[in-house]
N, C-alpha and C. Protein backbone atom coordinates (compact mmCIF):
# COMPACT_ATOMS: atom_id res chain seq x y z
N MET A 1 0.83 -1.19 0.00
CA MET A 1 0.00 0.00 0.00
C MET A 1 0.87 1.25 0.00
N GLU A 2 1.93 1.22 0.83
CA GLU A 2 2.81 2.38 0.90
C GLU A 2 3.47 2.66 -0.44
N ASP A 3 3.87 1.59 -1.15
CA ASP A 3 4.48 1.78 -2.46
C ASP A 3 3.50 2.39 -3.45
N LEU A 4 2.25 1.95 -3.38
CA LEU A 4 1.23 2.50 -4.26
C LEU A 4 1.05 3.99 -4.00
N ILE A 5 1.06 4.38 -2.74
CA ILE A 5 0.90 5.80 -2.41
C ILE A 5 2.11 6.59 -2.86
N ARG A 6 3.30 6.06 -2.60
CA ARG A 6 4.53 6.80 -3.00
C ARG A 6 4.67 6.89 -4.52
N ASP A 7 4.40 5.79 -5.22
CA ASP A 7 4.59 5.77 -6.67
C ASP A 7 3.49 6.52 -7.42
N GLY A 8 2.29 6.48 -6.90
CA GLY A 8 1.18 7.15 -7.56
C GLY A 8 0.43 8.05 -6.60
N GLY A 9 1.15 8.95 -5.96
CA GLY A 9 0.57 9.82 -4.94
C GLY A 9 -0.64 10.58 -5.41
N TYR A 10 -0.64 10.99 -6.67
CA TYR A 10 -1.78 11.71 -7.22
C TYR A 10 -3.04 10.85 -7.15
N PHE A 11 -2.88 9.54 -7.29
CA PHE A 11 -4.02 8.62 -7.22
C PHE A 11 -4.64 8.66 -5.82
N ALA A 12 -3.80 8.77 -4.80
CA ALA A 12 -4.30 8.88 -3.42
C ALA A 12 -5.11 10.16 -3.25
N TYR A 13 -4.69 11.23 -3.89
CA TYR A 13 -5.43 12.49 -3.81
C TYR A 13 -6.77 12.39 -4.53
N VAL A 14 -6.80 11.66 -5.64
CA VAL A 14 -8.06 11.45 -6.38
C VAL A 14 -9.02 10.64 -5.51
N ILE A 15 -8.52 9.60 -4.87
CA ILE A 15 -9.36 8.78 -3.98
C ILE A 15 -9.87 9.64 -2.82
N LEU A 16 -8.99 10.46 -2.25
CA LEU A 16 -9.38 11.34 -1.15
C LEU A 16 -10.47 12.31 -1.62
N PHE A 17 -10.34 12.85 -2.82
CA PHE A 17 -11.36 13.76 -3.34
C PHE A 17 -12.69 13.05 -3.47
N LEU A 18 -12.69 11.88 -4.09
CA LEU A 18 -13.93 11.14 -4.31
C LEU A 18 -14.58 10.74 -2.98
N TYR A 19 -13.76 10.32 -2.03
CA TYR A 19 -14.28 9.92 -0.72
C TYR A 19 -14.82 11.13 0.04
N SER A 20 -14.16 12.26 -0.08
CA SER A 20 -14.56 13.46 0.65
C SER A 20 -15.78 14.14 0.04
N PHE A 21 -16.13 13.78 -1.18
CA PHE A 21 -17.30 14.34 -1.83
C PHE A 21 -18.56 14.03 -1.02
N GLY A 22 -18.57 12.86 -0.37
CA GLY A 22 -19.72 12.48 0.42
C GLY A 22 -19.51 12.63 1.91
N GLY A 23 -18.44 13.18 2.32
CA GLY A 23 -18.15 13.33 3.76
C GLY A 23 -16.66 13.49 3.95
N GLY A 24 -15.98 12.36 4.06
CA GLY A 24 -14.53 12.38 4.03
C GLY A 24 -13.80 12.42 5.35
N PHE A 25 -14.48 12.33 6.47
CA PHE A 25 -13.82 12.44 7.76
C PHE A 25 -12.71 11.39 7.91
N VAL A 26 -13.06 10.13 7.71
CA VAL A 26 -12.08 9.05 7.88
C VAL A 26 -10.96 9.17 6.84
N GLY A 27 -11.31 9.51 5.62
CA GLY A 27 -10.30 9.68 4.57
C GLY A 27 -9.30 10.76 4.91
N LEU A 28 -9.78 11.88 5.46
CA LEU A 28 -8.88 12.97 5.82
C LEU A 28 -8.02 12.59 7.03
N VAL A 29 -8.58 11.83 7.95
CA VAL A 29 -7.79 11.36 9.10
C VAL A 29 -6.65 10.46 8.61
N ILE A 30 -6.97 9.53 7.74
CA ILE A 30 -5.94 8.63 7.19
C ILE A 30 -4.91 9.44 6.40
N ALA A 31 -5.36 10.40 5.62
CA ALA A 31 -4.45 11.24 4.85
C ALA A 31 -3.54 12.05 5.77
N GLY A 32 -4.08 12.54 6.90
CA GLY A 32 -3.26 13.27 7.86
C GLY A 32 -2.17 12.41 8.46
N VAL A 33 -2.51 11.18 8.79
CA VAL A 33 -1.51 10.25 9.34
C VAL A 33 -0.47 9.91 8.27
N LEU A 34 -0.91 9.67 7.05
CA LEU A 34 0.03 9.40 5.96
C LEU A 34 0.90 10.62 5.66
N SER A 35 0.37 11.80 5.87
CA SER A 35 1.16 13.03 5.70
C SER A 35 2.25 13.09 6.77
N TYR A 36 1.91 12.73 7.98
CA TYR A 36 2.91 12.70 9.05
C TYR A 36 4.01 11.70 8.70
N ALA A 37 3.64 10.58 8.10
CA ALA A 37 4.62 9.56 7.72
C ALA A 37 5.46 10.01 6.53
N GLY A 38 5.07 11.09 5.88
CA GLY A 38 5.84 11.59 4.75
C GLY A 38 5.37 11.07 3.40
N ASP A 39 4.26 10.34 3.39
CA ASP A 39 3.77 9.75 2.15
C ASP A 39 2.90 10.72 1.34
N LEU A 40 2.27 11.66 2.00
CA LEU A 40 1.42 12.64 1.34
C LEU A 40 1.74 14.03 1.87
N ASN A 41 1.26 15.04 1.16
CA ASN A 41 1.44 16.43 1.58
C ASN A 41 0.19 16.87 2.32
N LEU A 42 0.34 17.29 3.58
CA LEU A 42 -0.81 17.64 4.41
C LEU A 42 -1.62 18.78 3.82
N VAL A 43 -0.96 19.82 3.34
CA VAL A 43 -1.68 20.98 2.79
C VAL A 43 -2.50 20.56 1.57
N VAL A 44 -1.92 19.76 0.71
CA VAL A 44 -2.65 19.28 -0.47
C VAL A 44 -3.84 18.43 -0.04
N CYS A 45 -3.64 17.57 0.96
CA CYS A 45 -4.74 16.73 1.47
C CYS A 45 -5.88 17.59 2.00
N MET A 46 -5.55 18.63 2.75
CA MET A 46 -6.59 19.49 3.30
C MET A 46 -7.32 20.25 2.19
N ILE A 47 -6.60 20.71 1.19
CA ILE A 47 -7.22 21.42 0.07
C ILE A 47 -8.13 20.47 -0.72
N VAL A 48 -7.63 19.28 -1.00
CA VAL A 48 -8.41 18.30 -1.78
C VAL A 48 -9.67 17.90 -1.02
N ALA A 49 -9.52 17.52 0.25
CA ALA A 49 -10.67 17.06 1.04
C ALA A 49 -11.65 18.20 1.28
N GLY A 50 -11.16 19.37 1.61
CA GLY A 50 -12.03 20.52 1.84
C GLY A 50 -12.79 20.92 0.59
N SER A 51 -12.12 20.91 -0.54
CA SER A 51 -12.77 21.26 -1.81
C SER A 51 -13.87 20.26 -2.16
N ALA A 52 -13.56 18.98 -2.02
CA ALA A 52 -14.55 17.95 -2.34
C ALA A 52 -15.73 18.01 -1.39
N ASN A 53 -15.46 18.26 -0.12
CA ASN A 53 -16.52 18.37 0.86
C ASN A 53 -17.44 19.54 0.52
N PHE A 54 -16.85 20.66 0.16
CA PHE A 54 -17.61 21.85 -0.25
C PHE A 54 -18.47 21.54 -1.47
N VAL A 55 -17.86 20.98 -2.49
CA VAL A 55 -18.58 20.69 -3.74
C VAL A 55 -19.71 19.69 -3.49
N GLY A 56 -19.45 18.68 -2.68
CA GLY A 56 -20.48 17.69 -2.38
C GLY A 56 -21.69 18.29 -1.70
N ASP A 57 -21.46 19.14 -0.70
CA ASP A 57 -22.58 19.78 -0.01
C ASP A 57 -23.32 20.76 -0.92
N GLN A 58 -22.59 21.47 -1.78
CA GLN A 58 -23.23 22.38 -2.73
C GLN A 58 -24.12 21.58 -3.68
N PHE A 59 -23.62 20.44 -4.12
CA PHE A 59 -24.39 19.59 -5.02
C PHE A 59 -25.69 19.14 -4.35
N LEU A 60 -25.60 18.69 -3.09
CA LEU A 60 -26.79 18.22 -2.38
C LEU A 60 -27.80 19.35 -2.20
N PHE A 61 -27.31 20.53 -1.82
CA PHE A 61 -28.20 21.68 -1.63
C PHE A 61 -28.89 22.03 -2.95
N TYR A 62 -28.10 22.12 -4.02
CA TYR A 62 -28.65 22.49 -5.33
C TYR A 62 -29.64 21.43 -5.83
N MET A 63 -29.28 20.16 -5.62
CA MET A 63 -30.17 19.08 -6.06
C MET A 63 -31.52 19.17 -5.35
N ALA A 64 -31.49 19.41 -4.03
CA ALA A 64 -32.74 19.54 -3.28
C ALA A 64 -33.53 20.77 -3.73
N ARG A 65 -32.81 21.84 -4.02
CA ARG A 65 -33.48 23.08 -4.43
C ARG A 65 -34.15 22.92 -5.79
N THR A 66 -33.52 22.21 -6.71
CA THR A 66 -34.04 22.11 -8.07
C THR A 66 -34.89 20.88 -8.32
N ASN A 67 -34.79 19.88 -7.45
CA ASN A 67 -35.54 18.64 -7.64
C ASN A 67 -36.12 18.20 -6.29
N LYS A 68 -37.08 18.96 -5.82
CA LYS A 68 -37.63 18.77 -4.48
C LYS A 68 -38.27 17.40 -4.30
N SER A 69 -38.95 16.89 -5.30
CA SER A 69 -39.63 15.60 -5.15
C SER A 69 -38.61 14.47 -4.96
N TYR A 70 -37.52 14.51 -5.71
CA TYR A 70 -36.49 13.49 -5.55
C TYR A 70 -35.83 13.59 -4.17
N ALA A 71 -35.55 14.80 -3.73
CA ALA A 71 -34.92 15.00 -2.42
C ALA A 71 -35.84 14.51 -1.30
N LYS A 72 -37.13 14.82 -1.41
CA LYS A 72 -38.08 14.37 -0.39
C LYS A 72 -38.18 12.85 -0.37
N ASP A 73 -38.19 12.23 -1.54
CA ASP A 73 -38.23 10.76 -1.61
C ASP A 73 -36.98 10.15 -0.99
N THR A 74 -35.84 10.75 -1.27
CA THR A 74 -34.57 10.27 -0.72
C THR A 74 -34.56 10.38 0.80
N MET A 75 -35.10 11.47 1.30
CA MET A 75 -35.05 11.73 2.74
C MET A 75 -36.09 10.94 3.52
N LYS A 76 -37.10 10.36 2.86
CA LYS A 76 -38.13 9.59 3.56
C LYS A 76 -37.53 8.42 4.32
N LYS A 77 -36.46 7.85 3.80
CA LYS A 77 -35.83 6.70 4.44
C LYS A 77 -35.21 7.06 5.78
N TYR A 78 -34.95 8.33 5.99
CA TYR A 78 -34.22 8.78 7.18
C TYR A 78 -35.09 9.67 8.06
N GLY A 79 -36.29 9.23 8.33
CA GLY A 79 -37.27 10.04 9.04
C GLY A 79 -36.77 10.71 10.30
N ARG A 80 -36.22 9.96 11.23
CA ARG A 80 -35.76 10.53 12.50
C ARG A 80 -34.57 11.47 12.30
N LYS A 81 -33.67 11.08 11.42
CA LYS A 81 -32.50 11.93 11.17
C LYS A 81 -32.92 13.24 10.51
N VAL A 82 -33.90 13.18 9.62
CA VAL A 82 -34.40 14.39 8.97
C VAL A 82 -35.07 15.29 10.00
N ALA A 83 -35.82 14.68 10.91
CA ALA A 83 -36.44 15.47 11.98
C ALA A 83 -35.37 16.13 12.84
N LEU A 84 -34.32 15.39 13.14
CA LEU A 84 -33.21 15.96 13.91
C LEU A 84 -32.56 17.11 13.14
N ALA A 85 -32.38 16.93 11.84
CA ALA A 85 -31.80 17.99 11.01
C ALA A 85 -32.65 19.26 11.07
N HIS A 86 -33.95 19.10 11.01
CA HIS A 86 -34.85 20.27 11.07
C HIS A 86 -34.81 20.93 12.45
N ILE A 87 -34.75 20.12 13.48
CA ILE A 87 -34.64 20.68 14.84
C ILE A 87 -33.35 21.48 14.97
N TRP A 88 -32.25 20.92 14.48
CA TRP A 88 -30.96 21.62 14.54
C TRP A 88 -31.01 22.91 13.74
N MET A 89 -31.66 22.87 12.57
CA MET A 89 -31.75 24.08 11.75
C MET A 89 -32.51 25.18 12.48
N LYS A 90 -33.59 24.81 13.16
CA LYS A 90 -34.37 25.80 13.91
C LYS A 90 -33.60 26.30 15.13
N ARG A 91 -32.92 25.39 15.82
CA ARG A 91 -32.23 25.75 17.06
C ARG A 91 -30.95 26.52 16.81
N TYR A 92 -30.15 26.08 15.83
CA TYR A 92 -28.82 26.66 15.64
C TYR A 92 -28.70 27.57 14.43
N GLY A 93 -29.70 27.60 13.58
CA GLY A 93 -29.65 28.46 12.40
C GLY A 93 -28.51 28.11 11.46
N SER A 94 -27.81 29.11 11.00
CA SER A 94 -26.73 28.91 10.04
C SER A 94 -25.54 28.15 10.62
N THR A 95 -25.41 28.12 11.93
CA THR A 95 -24.32 27.40 12.58
C THR A 95 -24.39 25.91 12.28
N VAL A 96 -25.57 25.41 11.94
CA VAL A 96 -25.72 23.99 11.65
C VAL A 96 -24.86 23.57 10.45
N VAL A 97 -24.57 24.50 9.55
CA VAL A 97 -23.70 24.19 8.41
C VAL A 97 -22.31 23.79 8.92
N PHE A 98 -21.86 24.44 9.98
CA PHE A 98 -20.56 24.10 10.57
C PHE A 98 -20.65 22.80 11.37
N LEU A 99 -21.71 22.65 12.12
CA LEU A 99 -21.86 21.47 12.99
C LEU A 99 -21.97 20.18 12.19
N GLN A 100 -22.70 20.21 11.10
CA GLN A 100 -22.96 18.99 10.35
C GLN A 100 -21.71 18.37 9.74
N LYS A 101 -20.66 19.12 9.58
CA LYS A 101 -19.42 18.57 9.02
C LYS A 101 -18.80 17.51 9.92
N TYR A 102 -19.13 17.56 11.21
CA TYR A 102 -18.50 16.68 12.18
C TYR A 102 -19.40 15.57 12.68
N VAL A 103 -20.64 15.52 12.22
CA VAL A 103 -21.59 14.54 12.74
C VAL A 103 -21.89 13.49 11.69
N TYR A 104 -21.44 12.28 11.96
CA TYR A 104 -21.66 11.16 11.05
C TYR A 104 -23.15 10.83 11.03
N GLY A 105 -23.67 10.51 9.86
CA GLY A 105 -25.04 10.09 9.74
C GLY A 105 -26.03 11.20 9.42
N ILE A 106 -25.61 12.42 9.62
CA ILE A 106 -26.52 13.55 9.36
C ILE A 106 -25.88 14.54 8.39
N LYS A 107 -24.62 14.32 8.09
CA LYS A 107 -23.84 15.24 7.27
C LYS A 107 -24.48 15.51 5.91
N THR A 108 -25.01 14.48 5.28
CA THR A 108 -25.60 14.67 3.95
C THR A 108 -27.03 15.17 4.01
N LEU A 109 -27.68 14.99 5.15
CA LEU A 109 -29.09 15.39 5.25
C LEU A 109 -29.27 16.89 5.45
N ILE A 110 -28.33 17.53 6.12
CA ILE A 110 -28.46 18.97 6.38
C ILE A 110 -28.52 19.77 5.07
N PRO A 111 -27.58 19.57 4.12
CA PRO A 111 -27.69 20.32 2.87
C PRO A 111 -28.99 20.02 2.10
N LEU A 112 -29.42 18.75 2.14
CA LEU A 112 -30.68 18.40 1.48
C LEU A 112 -31.85 19.13 2.15
N ALA A 113 -31.90 19.07 3.48
CA ALA A 113 -32.99 19.71 4.21
C ALA A 113 -32.97 21.22 4.00
N MET A 114 -31.79 21.82 3.99
CA MET A 114 -31.70 23.27 3.79
C MET A 114 -32.08 23.65 2.37
N GLY A 115 -31.76 22.77 1.42
CA GLY A 115 -32.13 23.02 0.04
C GLY A 115 -33.63 23.01 -0.19
N LEU A 116 -34.35 22.28 0.66
CA LEU A 116 -35.81 22.23 0.54
C LEU A 116 -36.49 23.46 1.12
N THR A 117 -35.76 24.21 1.93
CA THR A 117 -36.32 25.42 2.55
C THR A 117 -36.05 26.63 1.66
N LYS A 118 -36.39 27.80 2.16
CA LYS A 118 -36.13 29.04 1.43
C LYS A 118 -34.78 29.64 1.82
N TYR A 119 -33.92 28.84 2.42
CA TYR A 119 -32.60 29.32 2.84
C TYR A 119 -31.83 29.82 1.61
N SER A 120 -31.17 30.93 1.73
CA SER A 120 -30.47 31.56 0.62
C SER A 120 -29.32 30.69 0.11
N PHE A 121 -29.29 30.48 -1.21
CA PHE A 121 -28.21 29.71 -1.83
C PHE A 121 -26.86 30.40 -1.62
N GLN A 122 -26.84 31.73 -1.75
CA GLN A 122 -25.60 32.48 -1.58
C GLN A 122 -25.10 32.38 -0.14
N LYS A 123 -26.01 32.49 0.80
CA LYS A 123 -25.64 32.39 2.21
C LYS A 123 -25.12 30.99 2.51
N PHE A 124 -25.79 29.96 1.99
CA PHE A 124 -25.32 28.59 2.19
C PHE A 124 -23.93 28.40 1.60
N THR A 125 -23.70 28.97 0.43
CA THR A 125 -22.40 28.84 -0.23
C THR A 125 -21.28 29.43 0.62
N VAL A 126 -21.51 30.61 1.17
CA VAL A 126 -20.49 31.26 2.00
C VAL A 126 -20.23 30.45 3.26
N TYR A 127 -21.30 30.08 3.97
CA TYR A 127 -21.13 29.29 5.19
C TYR A 127 -20.52 27.93 4.90
N ASN A 128 -20.93 27.31 3.82
CA ASN A 128 -20.39 26.00 3.46
C ASN A 128 -18.90 26.09 3.13
N ALA A 129 -18.50 27.14 2.43
CA ALA A 129 -17.08 27.32 2.11
C ALA A 129 -16.25 27.50 3.38
N LEU A 130 -16.72 28.36 4.27
CA LEU A 130 -16.01 28.57 5.53
C LEU A 130 -15.98 27.30 6.38
N ALA A 131 -17.09 26.59 6.43
CA ALA A 131 -17.17 25.36 7.21
C ALA A 131 -16.25 24.28 6.63
N ALA A 132 -16.19 24.17 5.31
CA ALA A 132 -15.34 23.16 4.67
C ALA A 132 -13.86 23.46 4.94
N ILE A 133 -13.49 24.72 4.87
CA ILE A 133 -12.10 25.11 5.16
C ILE A 133 -11.77 24.79 6.62
N LEU A 134 -12.63 25.21 7.52
CA LEU A 134 -12.40 24.95 8.94
C LEU A 134 -12.33 23.45 9.22
N TRP A 135 -13.25 22.69 8.66
CA TRP A 135 -13.27 21.24 8.83
C TRP A 135 -11.97 20.60 8.34
N ALA A 136 -11.53 20.97 7.15
CA ALA A 136 -10.32 20.39 6.59
C ALA A 136 -9.09 20.73 7.43
N VAL A 137 -9.00 21.97 7.88
CA VAL A 137 -7.84 22.39 8.69
C VAL A 137 -7.86 21.70 10.06
N VAL A 138 -9.02 21.66 10.71
CA VAL A 138 -9.11 21.05 12.04
C VAL A 138 -8.84 19.56 11.98
N VAL A 139 -9.55 18.85 11.13
CA VAL A 139 -9.40 17.39 11.06
C VAL A 139 -8.01 17.01 10.53
N GLY A 140 -7.55 17.71 9.50
CA GLY A 140 -6.23 17.42 8.94
C GLY A 140 -5.12 17.69 9.94
N SER A 141 -5.19 18.81 10.64
CA SER A 141 -4.14 19.16 11.61
C SER A 141 -4.12 18.21 12.80
N ILE A 142 -5.29 17.88 13.32
CA ILE A 142 -5.35 16.97 14.46
C ILE A 142 -4.84 15.59 14.07
N SER A 143 -5.26 15.09 12.92
CA SER A 143 -4.81 13.76 12.50
C SER A 143 -3.31 13.76 12.22
N TYR A 144 -2.79 14.84 11.68
CA TYR A 144 -1.34 14.95 11.47
C TYR A 144 -0.63 14.94 12.81
N SER A 145 -1.15 15.71 13.77
CA SER A 145 -0.53 15.79 15.09
C SER A 145 -0.55 14.45 15.81
N LEU A 146 -1.60 13.69 15.61
CA LEU A 146 -1.71 12.38 16.25
C LEU A 146 -1.05 11.27 15.42
N GLY A 147 -0.50 11.65 14.28
CA GLY A 147 0.15 10.67 13.41
C GLY A 147 1.26 9.89 14.09
N GLU A 148 2.05 10.56 14.91
CA GLU A 148 3.14 9.88 15.62
C GLU A 148 2.59 8.80 16.54
N ILE A 149 1.55 9.13 17.28
CA ILE A 149 0.96 8.15 18.19
C ILE A 149 0.38 6.97 17.42
N VAL A 150 -0.34 7.27 16.36
CA VAL A 150 -0.96 6.21 15.56
C VAL A 150 0.11 5.30 14.97
N LEU A 151 1.14 5.88 14.39
CA LEU A 151 2.17 5.06 13.76
C LEU A 151 3.02 4.31 14.78
N THR A 152 3.21 4.87 15.95
CA THR A 152 3.99 4.20 16.99
C THR A 152 3.30 2.93 17.45
N TYR A 153 1.99 3.02 17.64
CA TYR A 153 1.26 1.89 18.18
C TYR A 153 0.57 1.03 17.12
N ALA A 154 0.60 1.46 15.89
CA ALA A 154 -0.11 0.75 14.83
C ALA A 154 0.39 -0.67 14.65
N GLU A 155 1.67 -0.85 14.57
CA GLU A 155 2.21 -2.19 14.34
C GLU A 155 2.07 -3.06 15.58
N GLU A 156 2.35 -2.47 16.73
CA GLU A 156 2.34 -3.24 17.97
C GLU A 156 0.94 -3.70 18.36
N TYR A 157 -0.04 -2.85 18.13
CA TYR A 157 -1.40 -3.16 18.58
C TYR A 157 -2.40 -3.22 17.44
N LYS A 158 -1.96 -3.59 16.26
CA LYS A 158 -2.83 -3.48 15.10
C LYS A 158 -4.11 -4.32 15.23
N TYR A 159 -4.01 -5.50 15.82
CA TYR A 159 -5.22 -6.33 15.94
C TYR A 159 -6.19 -5.76 16.97
N TYR A 160 -5.66 -5.22 18.05
CA TYR A 160 -6.53 -4.56 19.04
C TYR A 160 -7.16 -3.32 18.43
N GLY A 161 -6.37 -2.59 17.68
CA GLY A 161 -6.87 -1.37 17.04
C GLY A 161 -7.99 -1.66 16.07
N VAL A 162 -7.82 -2.71 15.28
CA VAL A 162 -8.87 -3.08 14.33
C VAL A 162 -10.14 -3.46 15.09
N ALA A 163 -10.00 -4.21 16.17
CA ALA A 163 -11.16 -4.61 16.97
C ALA A 163 -11.85 -3.40 17.59
N ILE A 164 -11.06 -2.47 18.11
CA ILE A 164 -11.63 -1.27 18.73
C ILE A 164 -12.33 -0.41 17.70
N ILE A 165 -11.69 -0.21 16.55
CA ILE A 165 -12.30 0.60 15.49
C ILE A 165 -13.59 -0.06 15.00
N LEU A 166 -13.56 -1.37 14.82
CA LEU A 166 -14.75 -2.08 14.39
C LEU A 166 -15.87 -1.93 15.42
N ALA A 167 -15.53 -2.05 16.70
CA ALA A 167 -16.54 -1.89 17.77
C ALA A 167 -17.11 -0.47 17.76
N ILE A 168 -16.25 0.51 17.57
CA ILE A 168 -16.72 1.91 17.54
C ILE A 168 -17.64 2.13 16.34
N VAL A 169 -17.24 1.66 15.18
CA VAL A 169 -18.06 1.84 13.98
C VAL A 169 -19.41 1.15 14.14
N LEU A 170 -19.40 -0.07 14.66
CA LEU A 170 -20.66 -0.79 14.86
C LEU A 170 -21.54 -0.09 15.90
N GLY A 171 -20.91 0.39 16.98
CA GLY A 171 -21.66 1.09 18.02
C GLY A 171 -22.28 2.38 17.50
N VAL A 172 -21.49 3.16 16.77
CA VAL A 172 -22.01 4.42 16.22
C VAL A 172 -23.11 4.13 15.21
N THR A 173 -22.92 3.14 14.36
CA THR A 173 -23.92 2.78 13.38
C THR A 173 -25.22 2.36 14.05
N TYR A 174 -25.12 1.53 15.08
CA TYR A 174 -26.30 1.10 15.82
C TYR A 174 -27.01 2.29 16.45
N TYR A 175 -26.24 3.16 17.07
CA TYR A 175 -26.82 4.33 17.73
C TYR A 175 -27.52 5.23 16.72
N LEU A 176 -26.86 5.50 15.58
CA LEU A 176 -27.44 6.39 14.59
C LEU A 176 -28.66 5.81 13.91
N LYS A 177 -28.73 4.49 13.83
CA LYS A 177 -29.93 3.88 13.24
C LYS A 177 -31.13 4.04 14.16
N LYS A 178 -30.86 4.19 15.45
CA LYS A 178 -31.95 4.39 16.42
C LYS A 178 -32.50 5.80 16.38
N ILE A 179 -31.69 6.75 15.88
CA ILE A 179 -32.13 8.15 15.85
C ILE A 179 -33.22 8.32 14.82
């Protein structure tokens, strides 16, 4: 894997872009750790992930704005999460654009829900751009900073780490399905 990243680093950036189009939290964390290892460039990773995250949310907002019936049909499957998105929109207003970048399971619903409302496209674009930049810098910087810890213990505790990550993912998935 390391050879693939070193020999075709641009390919890793393309994968990061595609993954970040729909969210990208885990991809950016992995990219930050790989940047610490010297396999990728942290600034490029943050730009790629932040740009894709921005474009993805803009796409969802625009799609909901221009094709309301399709967006409503898509969101029917996520009844409780959509209700939570609407509650957050009422409670936090425009700040929800920043909050949703960090919450798994609701990240894609906020732009869809906002697109269905009369929320200003220009205002969403500005907040989304600022939120994507902040998200990329925060997540990229923290994962880069923790890269030493991750790499130090990765080989020694890799099987425990896989089990812990799997347990966390399953736990979060179970919890979010209940929402």
